[in-house]
Amino acid sequence: MMLSTTPTLQGHEIKEYKGIVFGEVIVGVNFVKDFAAGLTNFFGGRSGSYEGELLEARNQALSEMQSRANQMGANAIVGIDVDYEVLGAGNNMLMVSATGTAVVVD
């Protein structure tokens, strides 16, 4: 399946619009990763533990969106937007939401 943040795919004509598709993932950050990120915050640098969680959540949201588009009979998704939010009482949960338009291209 072709994925694009643009409204079109160069070299391909959109034959049919199937509709808007979504992929959402909410993940919690466990104590060990939260502790390691706290040390990084104190001493400076990048937080590999949080970056790994973010990467995995984003990949899961995109995969879920692709699966839903496939069920609709689409072979591409255009206009993709990925959003991030923190949730929970202690802001210890991360939501990644991917949206786009499922289409059929030639």
PDB file of N, CA and C in Angstrom:
ATOM      1  N   MET A   1       0.841  -1.178   0.000  1.00  0.00           N
ATOM      2  CA  MET A   1       0.000   0.000   0.000  1.00  0.00           C
ATOM      3  C   MET A   1       0.887   1.242   0.000  1.00  0.00           C
ATOM      4  N   MET A   2       0.556   2.177  -0.867  1.00  0.00           N
ATOM      5  CA  MET A   2       1.310   3.430  -0.942  1.00  0.00           C
ATOM      6  C   MET A   2       0.752   4.415   0.098  1.00  0.00           C
ATOM      7  N   LEU A   3       1.652   5.112   0.767  1.00  0.00           N
ATOM      8  CA  LEU A   3       1.281   6.093   1.784  1.00  0.00           C
ATOM      9  C   LEU A   3       1.898   7.435   1.433  1.00  0.00           C
ATOM     10  N   SER A   4       1.115   8.512   1.640  1.00  0.00           N
ATOM     11  CA  SER A   4       1.644   9.831   1.330  1.00  0.00           C
ATOM     12  C   SER A   4       0.988  10.897   2.204  1.00  0.00           C
ATOM     13  N   THR A   5       1.781  11.878   2.576  1.00  0.00           N
ATOM     14  CA  THR A   5       1.230  13.022   3.293  1.00  0.00           C
ATOM     15  C   THR A   5       0.646  14.045   2.320  1.00  0.00           C
ATOM     16  N   THR A   6       0.930  13.881   1.041  1.00  0.00           N
ATOM     17  CA  THR A   6       0.417  14.796   0.015  1.00  0.00           C
ATOM     18  C   THR A   6      -0.960  14.333  -0.448  1.00  0.00           C
ATOM     19  N   PRO A   7      -1.739  15.211  -1.082  1.00  0.00           N
ATOM     20  CA  PRO A   7      -3.088  14.823  -1.518  1.00  0.00           C
ATOM     21  C   PRO A   7      -3.107  13.979  -2.798  1.00  0.00           C
ATOM     22  N   THR A   8      -1.975  13.832  -3.446  1.00  0.00           N
ATOM     23  CA  THR A   8      -1.903  13.031  -4.676  1.00  0.00           C
ATOM     24  C   THR A   8      -0.643  12.173  -4.639  1.00  0.00           C
ATOM     25  N   LEU A   9      -0.563  11.234  -5.571  1.00  0.00           N
ATOM     26  CA  LEU A   9       0.627  10.405  -5.737  1.00  0.00           C
ATOM     27  C   LEU A   9       1.161  10.635  -7.139  1.00  0.00           C
ATOM     28  N   GLN A  10       2.351  11.170  -7.234  1.00  0.00           N
ATOM     29  CA  GLN A  10       2.935  11.475  -8.533  1.00  0.00           C
ATOM     30  C   GLN A  10       2.994  10.217  -9.395  1.00  0.00           C
ATOM     31  N   GLY A  11       2.511  10.342 -10.625  1.00  0.00           N
ATOM     32  CA  GLY A  11       2.530   9.230 -11.567  1.00  0.00           C
ATOM     33  C   GLY A  11       1.353   8.283 -11.430  1.00  0.00           C
ATOM     34  N   HIS A  12       0.438   8.575 -10.494  1.00  0.00           N
ATOM     35  CA  HIS A  12      -0.729   7.719 -10.284  1.00  0.00           C
ATOM     36  C   HIS A  12      -1.985   8.578 -10.264  1.00  0.00           C
ATOM     37  N   GLU A  13      -3.015   8.100 -10.925  1.00  0.00           N
ATOM     38  CA  GLU A  13      -4.291   8.803 -10.916  1.00  0.00           C
ATOM     39  C   GLU A  13      -5.203   8.170  -9.874  1.00  0.00           C
ATOM     40  N   ILE A  14      -5.848   9.012  -9.067  1.00  0.00           N
ATOM     41  CA  ILE A  14      -6.808   8.504  -8.090  1.00  0.00           C
ATOM     42  C   ILE A  14      -8.086   8.161  -8.845  1.00  0.00           C
ATOM     43  N   LYS A  15      -8.460   6.893  -8.772  1.00  0.00           N
ATOM     44  CA  LYS A  15      -9.640   6.399  -9.479  1.00  0.00           C
ATOM     45  C   LYS A  15     -10.886   6.440  -8.600  1.00  0.00           C
ATOM     46  N   GLU A  16     -10.705   6.258  -7.288  1.00  0.00           N
ATOM     47  CA  GLU A  16     -11.852   6.187  -6.393  1.00  0.00           C
ATOM     48  C   GLU A  16     -11.435   6.593  -4.984  1.00  0.00           C
ATOM     49  N   TYR A  17     -12.293   7.378  -4.347  1.00  0.00           N
ATOM     50  CA  TYR A  17     -12.093   7.746  -2.946  1.00  0.00           C
ATOM     51  C   TYR A  17     -12.940   6.813  -2.093  1.00  0.00           C
ATOM     52  N   LYS A  18     -12.307   6.121  -1.150  1.00  0.00           N
ATOM     53  CA  LYS A  18     -13.013   5.166  -0.303  1.00  0.00           C
ATOM     54  C   LYS A  18     -13.482   5.782   1.008  1.00  0.00           C
ATOM     55  N   GLY A  19     -12.794   6.806   1.472  1.00  0.00           N
ATOM     56  CA  GLY A  19     -13.197   7.468   2.710  1.00  0.00           C
ATOM     57  C   GLY A  19     -12.025   7.714   3.640  1.00  0.00           C
ATOM     58  N   ILE A  20     -12.328   8.340   4.752  1.00  0.00           N
ATOM     59  CA  ILE A  20     -11.314   8.663   5.753  1.00  0.00           C
ATOM     60  C   ILE A  20     -11.016   7.410   6.575  1.00  0.00           C
ATOM     61  N   VAL A  21      -9.734   7.197   6.843  1.00  0.00           N
ATOM     62  CA  VAL A  21      -9.322   6.073   7.685  1.00  0.00           C
ATOM     63  C   VAL A  21      -8.503   6.599   8.858  1.00  0.00           C
ATOM     64  N   PHE A  22      -8.582   5.854   9.952  1.00  0.00           N
ATOM     65  CA  PHE A  22      -7.902   6.241  11.189  1.00  0.00           C
ATOM     66  C   PHE A  22      -7.103   5.073  11.730  1.00  0.00           C
ATOM     67  N   GLY A  23      -6.075   5.389  12.458  1.00  0.00           N
ATOM     68  CA  GLY A  23      -5.344   4.414  13.248  1.00  0.00           C
ATOM     69  C   GLY A  23      -4.964   5.093  14.547  1.00  0.00           C
ATOM     70  N   GLU A  24      -5.384   4.505  15.650  1.00  0.00           N
ATOM     71  CA  GLU A  24      -5.098   5.109  16.949  1.00  0.00           C
ATOM     72  C   GLU A  24      -4.417   4.090  17.855  1.00  0.00           C
ATOM     73  N   VAL A  25      -3.453   4.557  18.613  1.00  0.00           N
ATOM     74  CA  VAL A  25      -2.760   3.725  19.578  1.00  0.00           C
ATOM     75  C   VAL A  25      -2.552   4.554  20.842  1.00  0.00           C
ATOM     76  N   ILE A  26      -2.840   3.942  21.986  1.00  0.00           N
ATOM     77  CA  ILE A  26      -2.552   4.572  23.270  1.00  0.00           C
ATOM     78  C   ILE A  26      -1.637   3.630  24.026  1.00  0.00           C
ATOM     79  N   VAL A  27      -0.484   4.141  24.412  1.00  0.00           N
ATOM     80  CA  VAL A  27       0.493   3.316  25.122  1.00  0.00           C
ATOM     81  C   VAL A  27       0.858   3.985  26.442  1.00  0.00           C
ATOM     82  N   GLY A  28       1.126   3.150  27.416  1.00  0.00           N
ATOM     83  CA  GLY A  28       1.599   3.622  28.707  1.00  0.00           C
ATOM     84  C   GLY A  28       3.108   3.481  28.767  1.00  0.00           C
ATOM     85  N   VAL A  29       3.726   4.366  29.485  1.00  0.00           N
ATOM     86  CA  VAL A  29       5.174   4.295  29.676  1.00  0.00           C
ATOM     87  C   VAL A  29       5.410   3.655  31.035  1.00  0.00           C
ATOM     88  N   ASN A  30       6.158   2.555  31.047  1.00  0.00           N
ATOM     89  CA  ASN A  30       6.353   1.849  32.312  1.00  0.00           C
ATOM     90  C   ASN A  30       7.355   2.571  33.213  1.00  0.00           C
ATOM     91  N   PHE A  31       7.426   2.134  34.454  1.00  0.00           N
ATOM     92  CA  PHE A  31       8.243   2.799  35.467  1.00  0.00           C
ATOM     93  C   PHE A  31       9.720   2.862  35.076  1.00  0.00           C
ATOM     94  N   VAL A  32      10.260   1.769  34.538  1.00  0.00           N
ATOM     95  CA  VAL A  32      11.694   1.725  34.206  1.00  0.00           C
ATOM     96  C   VAL A  32      12.023   2.750  33.124  1.00  0.00           C
ATOM     97  N   LYS A  33      11.194   2.808  32.068  1.00  0.00           N
ATOM     98  CA  LYS A  33      11.440   3.778  31.002  1.00  0.00           C
ATOM     99  C   LYS A  33      11.249   5.199  31.505  1.00  0.00           C
ATOM    100  N   ASP A  34      10.266   5.384  32.365  1.00  0.00           N
ATOM    101  CA  ASP A  34      10.022   6.709  32.917  1.00  0.00           C
ATOM    102  C   ASP A  34      11.200   7.151  33.789  1.00  0.00           C
ATOM    103  N   PHE A  35      11.745   6.237  34.560  1.00  0.00           N
ATOM    104  CA  PHE A  35      12.902   6.534  35.409  1.00  0.00           C
ATOM    105  C   PHE A  35      14.121   6.884  34.544  1.00  0.00           C
ATOM    106  N   ALA A  36      14.364   6.082  33.490  1.00  0.00           N
ATOM    107  CA  ALA A  36      15.503   6.339  32.596  1.00  0.00           C
ATOM    108  C   ALA A  36      15.353   7.686  31.900  1.00  0.00           C
ATOM    109  N   ALA A  37      14.129   8.006  31.482  1.00  0.00           N
ATOM    110  CA  ALA A  37      13.892   9.300  30.830  1.00  0.00           C
ATOM    111  C   ALA A  37      14.104  10.442  31.817  1.00  0.00           C
ATOM    112  N   GLY A  38      13.755  10.220  33.085  1.00  0.00           N
ATOM    113  CA  GLY A  38      13.981  11.241  34.111  1.00  0.00           C
ATOM    114  C   GLY A  38      15.463  11.525  34.302  1.00  0.00           C
ATOM    115  N   LEU A  39      16.290  10.474  34.229  1.00  0.00           N
ATOM    116  CA  LEU A  39      17.736  10.676  34.319  1.00  0.00           C
ATOM    117  C   LEU A  39      18.248  11.469  33.116  1.00  0.00           C
ATOM    118  N   THR A  40      17.739  11.142  31.946  1.00  0.00           N
ATOM    119  CA  THR A  40      18.141  11.874  30.746  1.00  0.00           C
ATOM    120  C   THR A  40      17.738  13.336  30.863  1.00  0.00           C
ATOM    121  N   ASN A  41      16.556  13.585  31.413  1.00  0.00           N
ATOM    122  CA  ASN A  41      16.090  14.951  31.598  1.00  0.00           C
ATOM    123  C   ASN A  41      17.017  15.700  32.563  1.00  0.00           C
ATOM    124  N   PHE A  42      17.461  15.030  33.596  1.00  0.00           N
ATOM    125  CA  PHE A  42      18.337  15.656  34.591  1.00  0.00           C
ATOM    126  C   PHE A  42      19.730  15.932  34.024  1.00  0.00           C
ATOM    127  N   PHE A  43      20.317  14.926  33.340  1.00  0.00           N
ATOM    128  CA  PHE A  43      21.687  15.057  32.844  1.00  0.00           C
ATOM    129  C   PHE A  43      21.768  15.612  31.419  1.00  0.00           C
ATOM    130  N   GLY A  44      20.670  15.629  30.711  1.00  0.00           N
ATOM    131  CA  GLY A  44      20.655  16.120  29.333  1.00  0.00           C
ATOM    132  C   GLY A  44      20.813  14.991  28.332  1.00  0.00           C
ATOM    133  N   GLY A  45      20.535  15.281  27.082  1.00  0.00           N
ATOM    134  CA  GLY A  45      20.661  14.294  26.022  1.00  0.00           C
ATOM    135  C   GLY A  45      19.310  13.807  25.532  1.00  0.00           C
ATOM    136  N   ARG A  46      19.366  12.837  24.644  1.00  0.00           N
ATOM    137  CA  ARG A  46      18.160  12.267  24.054  1.00  0.00           C
ATOM    138  C   ARG A  46      17.662  11.103  24.897  1.00  0.00           C
ATOM    139  N   SER A  47      16.367  10.913  24.885  1.00  0.00           N
ATOM    140  CA  SER A  47      15.761   9.813  25.640  1.00  0.00           C
ATOM    141  C   SER A  47      15.452   8.655  24.700  1.00  0.00           C
ATOM    142  N   GLY A  48      16.365   7.710  24.634  1.00  0.00           N
ATOM    143  CA  GLY A  48      16.177   6.548  23.769  1.00  0.00           C
ATOM    144  C   GLY A  48      14.964   5.724  24.149  1.00  0.00           C
ATOM    145  N   SER A  49      14.654   5.645  25.449  1.00  0.00           N
ATOM    146  CA  SER A  49      13.500   4.851  25.878  1.00  0.00           C
ATOM    147  C   SER A  49      12.195   5.466  25.382  1.00  0.00           C
ATOM    148  N   TYR A  50      12.047   6.783  25.489  1.00  0.00           N
ATOM    149  CA  TYR A  50      10.835   7.433  24.994  1.00  0.00           C
ATOM    150  C   TYR A  50      10.796   7.433  23.469  1.00  0.00           C
ATOM    151  N   GLU A  51      11.935   7.644  22.834  1.00  0.00           N
ATOM    152  CA  GLU A  51      11.970   7.633  21.373  1.00  0.00           C
ATOM    153  C   GLU A  51      11.539   6.276  20.831  1.00  0.00           C
ATOM    154  N   GLY A  52      11.976   5.207  21.492  1.00  0.00           N
ATOM    155  CA  GLY A  52      11.572   3.869  21.082  1.00  0.00           C
ATOM    156  C   GLY A  52      10.070   3.656  21.208  1.00  0.00           C
ATOM    157  N   GLU A  53       9.499   4.136  22.318  1.00  0.00           N
ATOM    158  CA  GLU A  53       8.050   4.037  22.522  1.00  0.00           C
ATOM    159  C   GLU A  53       7.294   4.825  21.449  1.00  0.00           C
ATOM    160  N   LEU A  54       7.786   6.012  21.141  1.00  0.00           N
ATOM    161  CA  LEU A  54       7.146   6.861  20.140  1.00  0.00           C
ATOM    162  C   LEU A  54       7.194   6.211  18.762  1.00  0.00           C
ATOM    163  N   LEU A  55       8.344   5.675  18.401  1.00  0.00           N
ATOM    164  CA  LEU A  55       8.494   5.002  17.111  1.00  0.00           C
ATOM    165  C   LEU A  55       7.553   3.816  16.998  1.00  0.00           C
ATOM    166  N   GLU A  56       7.497   2.999  18.033  1.00  0.00           N
ATOM    167  CA  GLU A  56       6.627   1.817  18.013  1.00  0.00           C
ATOM    168  C   GLU A  56       5.163   2.214  17.935  1.00  0.00           C
ATOM    169  N   ALA A  57       4.749   3.214  18.692  1.00  0.00           N
ATOM    170  CA  ALA A  57       3.356   3.668  18.675  1.00  0.00           C
ATOM    171  C   ALA A  57       2.986   4.232  17.310  1.00  0.00           C
ATOM    172  N   ARG A  58       3.874   5.004  16.712  1.00  0.00           N
ATOM    173  CA  ARG A  58       3.601   5.568  15.384  1.00  0.00           C
ATOM    174  C   ARG A  58       3.465   4.458  14.347  1.00  0.00           C
ATOM    175  N   ASN A  59       4.361   3.485  14.374  1.00  0.00           N
ATOM    176  CA  ASN A  59       4.287   2.369  13.433  1.00  0.00           C
ATOM    177  C   ASN A  59       2.999   1.572  13.604  1.00  0.00           C
ATOM    178  N   GLN A  60       2.573   1.375  14.848  1.00  0.00           N
ATOM    179  CA  GLN A  60       1.325   0.651  15.098  1.00  0.00           C
ATOM    180  C   GLN A  60       0.117   1.429  14.570  1.00  0.00           C
ATOM    181  N   ALA A  61       0.099   2.744  14.774  1.00  0.00           N
ATOM    182  CA  ALA A  61      -1.019   3.567  14.297  1.00  0.00           C
ATOM    183  C   ALA A  61      -1.084   3.543  12.772  1.00  0.00           C
ATOM    184  N   LEU A  62       0.059   3.658  12.108  1.00  0.00           N
ATOM    185  CA  LEU A  62       0.074   3.606  10.637  1.00  0.00           C
ATOM    186  C   LEU A  62      -0.354   2.229  10.132  1.00  0.00           C
ATOM    187  N   SER A  63       0.091   1.182  10.802  1.00  0.00           N
ATOM    188  CA  SER A  63      -0.283  -0.179  10.412  1.00  0.00           C
ATOM    189  C   SER A  63      -1.785  -0.407  10.567  1.00  0.00           C
ATOM    190  N   GLU A  64      -2.345   0.081  11.668  1.00  0.00           N
ATOM    191  CA  GLU A  64      -3.783  -0.039  11.892  1.00  0.00           C
ATOM    192  C   GLU A  64      -4.565   0.701  10.817  1.00  0.00           C
ATOM    193  N   MET A  65      -4.096   1.898  10.451  1.00  0.00           N
ATOM    194  CA  MET A  65      -4.753   2.682   9.415  1.00  0.00           C
ATOM    195  C   MET A  65      -4.694   1.959   8.066  1.00  0.00           C
ATOM    196  N   GLN A  66      -3.538   1.373   7.745  1.00  0.00           N
ATOM    197  CA  GLN A  66      -3.397   0.625   6.494  1.00  0.00           C
ATOM    198  C   GLN A  66      -4.342  -0.568   6.462  1.00  0.00           C
ATOM    199  N   SER A  67      -4.462  -1.256   7.570  1.00  0.00           N
ATOM    200  CA  SER A  67      -5.349  -2.417   7.645  1.00  0.00           C
ATOM    201  C   SER A  67      -6.793  -2.009   7.375  1.00  0.00           C
ATOM    202  N   ARG A  68      -7.216  -0.907   7.954  1.00  0.00           N
ATOM    203  CA  ARG A  68      -8.588  -0.429   7.738  1.00  0.00           C
ATOM    204  C   ARG A  68      -8.805   0.007   6.289  1.00  0.00           C
ATOM    205  N   ALA A  69      -7.798   0.639   5.698  1.00  0.00           N
ATOM    206  CA  ALA A  69      -7.910   1.038   4.284  1.00  0.00           C
ATOM    207  C   ALA A  69      -7.986  -0.193   3.383  1.00  0.00           C
ATOM    208  N   ASN A  70      -7.202  -1.198   3.705  1.00  0.00           N
ATOM    209  CA  ASN A  70      -7.217  -2.438   2.939  1.00  0.00           C
ATOM    210  C   ASN A  70      -8.595  -3.098   2.992  1.00  0.00           C
ATOM    211  N   GLN A  71      -9.223  -3.095   4.155  1.00  0.00           N
ATOM    212  CA  GLN A  71     -10.568  -3.655   4.314  1.00  0.00           C
ATOM    213  C   GLN A  71     -11.598  -2.905   3.477  1.00  0.00           C
ATOM    214  N   MET A  72     -11.336  -1.647   3.180  1.00  0.00           N
ATOM    215  CA  MET A  72     -12.239  -0.840   2.360  1.00  0.00           C
ATOM    216  C   MET A  72     -11.987  -1.049   0.872  1.00  0.00           C
ATOM    217  N   GLY A  73     -10.919  -1.779   0.524  1.00  0.00           N
ATOM    218  CA  GLY A  73     -10.587  -2.018  -0.869  1.00  0.00           C
ATOM    219  C   GLY A  73      -9.641  -0.990  -1.456  1.00  0.00           C
ATOM    220  N   ALA A  74      -8.986  -0.212  -0.614  1.00  0.00           N
ATOM    221  CA  ALA A  74      -8.050   0.820  -1.089  1.00  0.00           C
ATOM    222  C   ALA A  74      -6.667   0.213  -1.303  1.00  0.00           C
ATOM    223  N   ASN A  75      -5.890   0.859  -2.166  1.00  0.00           N
ATOM    224  CA  ASN A  75      -4.497   0.427  -2.356  1.00  0.00           C
ATOM    225  C   ASN A  75      -3.514   1.561  -2.064  1.00  0.00           C
ATOM    226  N   ALA A  76      -4.035   2.669  -1.524  1.00  0.00           N
ATOM    227  CA  ALA A  76      -3.178   3.799  -1.156  1.00  0.00           C
ATOM    228  C   ALA A  76      -3.912   4.657  -0.133  1.00  0.00           C
ATOM    229  N   ILE A  77      -3.133   5.446   0.609  1.00  0.00           N
ATOM    230  CA  ILE A  77      -3.693   6.426   1.536  1.00  0.00           C
ATOM    231  C   ILE A  77      -2.969   7.740   1.284  1.00  0.00           C
ATOM    232  N   VAL A  78      -3.734   8.794   1.048  1.00  0.00           N
ATOM    233  CA  VAL A  78      -3.155  10.120   0.796  1.00  0.00           C
ATOM    234  C   VAL A  78      -3.577  11.080   1.910  1.00  0.00           C
ATOM    235  N   GLY A  79      -2.864  12.196   1.987  1.00  0.00           N
ATOM    236  CA  GLY A  79      -3.194  13.235   2.956  1.00  0.00           C
ATOM    237  C   GLY A  79      -3.007  12.781   4.393  1.00  0.00           C
ATOM    238  N   ILE A  80      -2.010  11.953   4.647  1.00  0.00           N
ATOM    239  CA  ILE A  80      -1.804  11.399   5.980  1.00  0.00           C
ATOM    240  C   ILE A  80      -1.318  12.477   6.947  1.00  0.00           C
ATOM    241  N   ASP A  81      -1.909  12.453   8.139  1.00  0.00           N
ATOM    242  CA  ASP A  81      -1.504  13.343   9.223  1.00  0.00           C
ATOM    243  C   ASP A  81      -1.333  12.488  10.476  1.00  0.00           C
ATOM    244  N   VAL A  82      -0.250  12.691  11.195  1.00  0.00           N
ATOM    245  CA  VAL A  82       0.009  11.964  12.430  1.00  0.00           C
ATOM    246  C   VAL A  82       0.039  12.976  13.572  1.00  0.00           C
ATOM    247  N   ASP A  83      -0.753  12.711  14.612  1.00  0.00           N
ATOM    248  CA  ASP A  83      -0.826  13.601  15.772  1.00  0.00           C
ATOM    249  C   ASP A  83      -0.450  12.844  17.040  1.00  0.00           C
ATOM    250  N   TYR A  84       0.075  13.570  18.005  1.00  0.00           N
ATOM    251  CA  TYR A  84       0.520  13.003  19.274  1.00  0.00           C
ATOM    252  C   TYR A  84      -0.122  13.771  20.416  1.00  0.00           C
ATOM    253  N   GLU A  85      -0.536  13.054  21.466  1.00  0.00           N
ATOM    254  CA  GLU A  85      -1.093  13.670  22.672  1.00  0.00           C
ATOM    255  C   GLU A  85      -0.618  12.884  23.879  1.00  0.00           C
ATOM    256  N   VAL A  86      -0.472  13.547  24.998  1.00  0.00           N
ATOM    257  CA  VAL A  86      -0.227  12.852  26.258  1.00  0.00           C
ATOM    258  C   VAL A  86      -1.541  12.819  27.023  1.00  0.00           C
ATOM    259  N   LEU A  87      -1.781  11.695  27.682  1.00  0.00           N
ATOM    260  CA  LEU A  87      -3.032  11.477  28.400  1.00  0.00           C
ATOM    261  C   LEU A  87      -2.742  10.943  29.792  1.00  0.00           C
ATOM    262  N   GLY A  88      -3.772  10.862  30.605  1.00  0.00           N
ATOM    263  CA  GLY A  88      -3.661  10.258  31.925  1.00  0.00           C
ATOM    264  C   GLY A  88      -3.450  11.298  32.999  1.00  0.00           C
ATOM    265  N   ALA A  89      -3.702  10.870  34.224  1.00  0.00           N
ATOM    266  CA  ALA A  89      -3.596  11.785  35.367  1.00  0.00           C
ATOM    267  C   ALA A  89      -2.195  12.356  35.510  1.00  0.00           C
ATOM    268  N   GLY A  90      -1.184  11.537  35.259  1.00  0.00           N
ATOM    269  CA  GLY A  90       0.191  12.009  35.384  1.00  0.00           C
ATOM    270  C   GLY A  90       0.865  12.219  34.043  1.00  0.00           C
ATOM    271  N   ASN A  91       0.067  12.389  32.993  1.00  0.00           N
ATOM    272  CA  ASN A  91       0.610  12.517  31.633  1.00  0.00           C
ATOM    273  C   ASN A  91       1.562  11.365  31.304  1.00  0.00           C
ATOM    274  N   ASN A  92       1.200  10.163  31.748  1.00  0.00           N
ATOM    275  CA  ASN A  92       2.074   9.014  31.556  1.00  0.00           C
ATOM    276  C   ASN A  92       1.615   8.082  30.445  1.00  0.00           C
ATOM    277  N   MET A  93       0.689   8.538  29.627  1.00  0.00           N
ATOM    278  CA  MET A  93       0.229   7.750  28.494  1.00  0.00           C
ATOM    279  C   MET A  93       0.369   8.592  27.234  1.00  0.00           C
ATOM    280  N   LEU A  94       0.679   7.927  26.145  1.00  0.00           N
ATOM    281  CA  LEU A  94       0.878   8.598  24.868  1.00  0.00           C
ATOM    282  C   LEU A  94      -0.138   8.089  23.863  1.00  0.00           C
ATOM    283  N   MET A  95      -0.833   8.992  23.189  1.00  0.00           N
ATOM    284  CA  MET A  95      -1.752   8.620  22.128  1.00  0.00           C
ATOM    285  C   MET A  95      -1.161   9.090  20.801  1.00  0.00           C
ATOM    286  N   VAL A  96      -1.114   8.176  19.849  1.00  0.00           N
ATOM    287  CA  VAL A  96      -0.702   8.513  18.491  1.00  0.00           C
ATOM    288  C   VAL A  96      -1.889   8.230  17.588  1.00  0.00           C
ATOM    289  N   SER A  97      -2.276   9.215  16.809  1.00  0.00           N
ATOM    290  CA  SER A  97      -3.413   9.094  15.909  1.00  0.00           C
ATOM    291  C   SER A  97      -2.957   9.407  14.488  1.00  0.00           C
ATOM    292  N   ALA A  98      -3.244   8.491  13.571  1.00  0.00           N
ATOM    293  CA  ALA A  98      -2.924   8.690  12.156  1.00  0.00           C
ATOM    294  C   ALA A  98      -4.232   8.737  11.372  1.00  0.00           C
ATOM    295  N   THR A  99      -4.387   9.750  10.518  1.00  0.00           N
ATOM    296  CA  THR A  99      -5.576   9.860   9.682  1.00  0.00           C
ATOM    297  C   THR A  99      -5.152  10.095   8.237  1.00  0.00           C
ATOM    298  N   GLY A 100      -6.007   9.684   7.327  1.00  0.00           N
ATOM    299  CA  GLY A 100      -5.740   9.897   5.917  1.00  0.00           C
ATOM    300  C   GLY A 100      -6.966   9.544   5.103  1.00  0.00           C
ATOM    301  N   THR A 101      -6.853   9.655   3.796  1.00  0.00           N
ATOM    302  CA  THR A 101      -7.943   9.313   2.891  1.00  0.00           C
ATOM    303  C   THR A 101      -7.550   8.063   2.115  1.00  0.00           C
ATOM    304  N   ALA A 102      -8.381   7.023   2.263  1.00  0.00           N
ATOM    305  CA  ALA A 102      -8.166   5.768   1.552  1.00  0.00           C
ATOM    306  C   ALA A 102      -8.637   5.944   0.105  1.00  0.00           C
ATOM    307  N   VAL A 103      -7.785   5.574  -0.840  1.00  0.00           N
ATOM    308  CA  VAL A 103      -8.096   5.734  -2.256  1.00  0.00           C
ATOM    309  C   VAL A 103      -7.671   4.494  -3.038  1.00  0.00           C
ATOM    310  N   VAL A 104      -8.212   4.427  -4.252  1.00  0.00           N
ATOM    311  CA  VAL A 104      -7.751   3.430  -5.223  1.00  0.00           C
ATOM    312  C   VAL A 104      -7.038   4.197  -6.316  1.00  0.00           C
ATOM    313  N   VAL A 105      -5.797   3.822  -6.577  1.00  0.00           N
ATOM    314  CA  VAL A 105      -5.025   4.464  -7.645  1.00  0.00           C
ATOM    315  C   VAL A 105      -4.709   3.427  -8.717  1.00  0.00           C
ATOM    316  N   ASP A 106      -4.377   3.934  -9.930  1.00  0.00           N
ATOM    317  CA  ASP A 106      -4.012   3.003 -11.000  1.00  0.00           C
ATOM    318  C   ASP A 106      -2.599   2.511 -10.844  1.00  0.00           C
TER     319      ASP A 106
END
